[in-house]
Amino acid sequence: MEFENHNIKCKTFWDVERVIKNAEAKIKEPRNAAERRYYAQDVLLESRTLLSCPDYNARNSDCVSCRSFAHRYTQEYKYLAKTERKKVAKRY
């Protein structure tokens, strides 16, 4: 997701968003499933940082937008972060 067009005035949001963008770039590179899962887990950790922000104010539109974006990141990457490699059963 891209947020450059949004005018959120929060250093925490932009710091976390930069880390998330880097992880998203790694996810899009041709990698194995374990590496993609690793970077998806990074996205989830960073989105939790936003969701648990101690400065959150429900009356501040920047905070409301930030929380909305964090929820969208969580929805987008939660399944990739939890996927596991399929195990192939041994045949004797």
Protein backbone atom coordinates (compact mmCIF):
# COMPACT_ATOMS: atom_id res chain seq x y z
CA MET A 1 0.00 0.00 0.00
CA GLU A 2 1.17 3.48 -0.73
CA PHE A 3 0.62 6.43 1.57
CA GLU A 4 2.65 9.21 -0.04
CA ASN A 5 -0.54 11.06 -0.99
CA HIS A 6 -1.77 11.17 2.59
CA ASN A 7 -0.88 14.06 4.83
CA ILE A 8 -0.55 12.25 8.12
CA LYS A 9 1.51 14.37 10.43
CA CYS A 10 3.09 11.75 12.65
CA LYS A 11 6.74 10.73 12.82
CA THR A 12 5.86 7.30 14.21
CA PHE A 13 3.58 6.55 11.27
CA TRP A 14 6.17 7.54 8.68
CA ASP A 15 8.98 5.63 10.43
CA VAL A 16 6.88 2.47 10.60
CA GLU A 17 5.55 2.96 7.08
CA ARG A 18 9.11 3.10 5.74
CA VAL A 19 9.95 -0.23 7.41
CA ILE A 20 6.73 -1.76 6.07
CA LYS A 21 7.50 -0.56 2.54
CA ASN A 22 10.92 -2.19 2.72
CA ALA A 23 9.38 -5.46 3.89
CA GLU A 24 6.76 -5.29 1.13
CA ALA A 25 9.51 -4.84 -1.45
CA LYS A 26 11.23 -7.96 -0.10
CA ILE A 27 7.96 -9.91 -0.24
CA LYS A 28 7.51 -9.00 -3.92
CA GLU A 29 11.01 -10.22 -4.84
CA PRO A 30 11.26 -13.80 -6.01
CA ARG A 31 11.98 -15.62 -2.77
CA ASN A 32 11.07 -18.84 -1.12
CA ALA A 33 7.97 -19.15 1.05
CA ALA A 34 9.88 -18.99 4.33
CA GLU A 35 11.47 -15.66 3.44
CA ARG A 36 8.17 -14.19 2.28
CA ARG A 37 6.55 -15.36 5.51
CA TYR A 38 9.38 -13.77 7.51
CA TYR A 39 8.84 -10.37 5.87
CA ALA A 40 5.06 -10.66 6.20
CA GLN A 41 5.57 -11.20 9.91
CA ASP A 42 7.66 -8.01 9.96
CA VAL A 43 4.73 -6.15 8.41
CA LEU A 44 2.42 -7.52 11.10
CA LEU A 45 4.80 -6.51 13.88
CA GLU A 46 5.07 -3.01 12.51
CA SER A 47 1.32 -2.68 12.06
CA ARG A 48 0.88 -3.75 15.70
CA THR A 49 3.22 -0.91 16.63
CA LEU A 50 0.79 1.49 15.00
CA LEU A 51 -2.26 -0.19 16.52
CA SER A 52 -0.79 0.02 20.01
CA CYS A 53 0.44 3.60 19.74
CA PRO A 54 0.37 5.24 23.18
CA ASP A 55 -0.34 8.62 21.57
CA TYR A 56 -3.52 7.45 19.82
CA ASN A 57 -6.33 10.00 19.97
CA ALA A 58 -9.69 8.99 18.49
CA ARG A 59 -10.49 12.66 17.86
CA ASN A 60 -7.40 13.19 15.72
CA SER A 61 -8.00 12.44 12.03
CA ASP A 62 -4.33 11.51 11.54
CA CYS A 63 -4.60 8.88 14.26
CA VAL A 64 -7.83 7.51 12.83
CA SER A 65 -6.26 7.27 9.35
CA CYS A 66 -3.11 5.67 10.71
CA ARG A 67 -5.11 3.05 12.58
CA SER A 68 -7.14 2.36 9.45
CA PHE A 69 -3.97 1.77 7.44
CA ALA A 70 -2.57 -0.49 10.17
CA HIS A 71 -5.74 -2.60 10.06
CA ARG A 72 -5.45 -2.85 6.28
CA TYR A 73 -1.84 -4.03 6.56
CA THR A 74 -2.90 -6.63 9.12
CA GLN A 75 -5.68 -7.90 6.87
CA GLU A 76 -3.43 -8.02 3.83
CA TYR A 77 -0.51 -9.89 5.41
CA LYS A 78 -1.93 -12.03 8.21
CA TYR A 79 -2.49 -15.08 6.02
CA LEU A 80 0.91 -14.89 4.33
CA ALA A 81 2.57 -14.57 7.73
CA LYS A 82 0.82 -17.70 8.99
CA THR A 83 1.22 -19.95 5.96
CA GLU A 84 3.42 -22.92 6.41
CA ARG A 85 5.22 -25.08 3.94
CA LYS A 86 3.23 -28.09 2.99
CA LYS A 87 4.85 -31.24 4.19
CA VAL A 88 5.13 -34.02 1.69
CA ALA A 89 4.18 -37.39 3.09
CA LYS A 90 6.80 -40.07 2.66
CA ARG A 91 5.75 -43.03 0.62
CA TYR A 92 7.39 -46.35 1.35
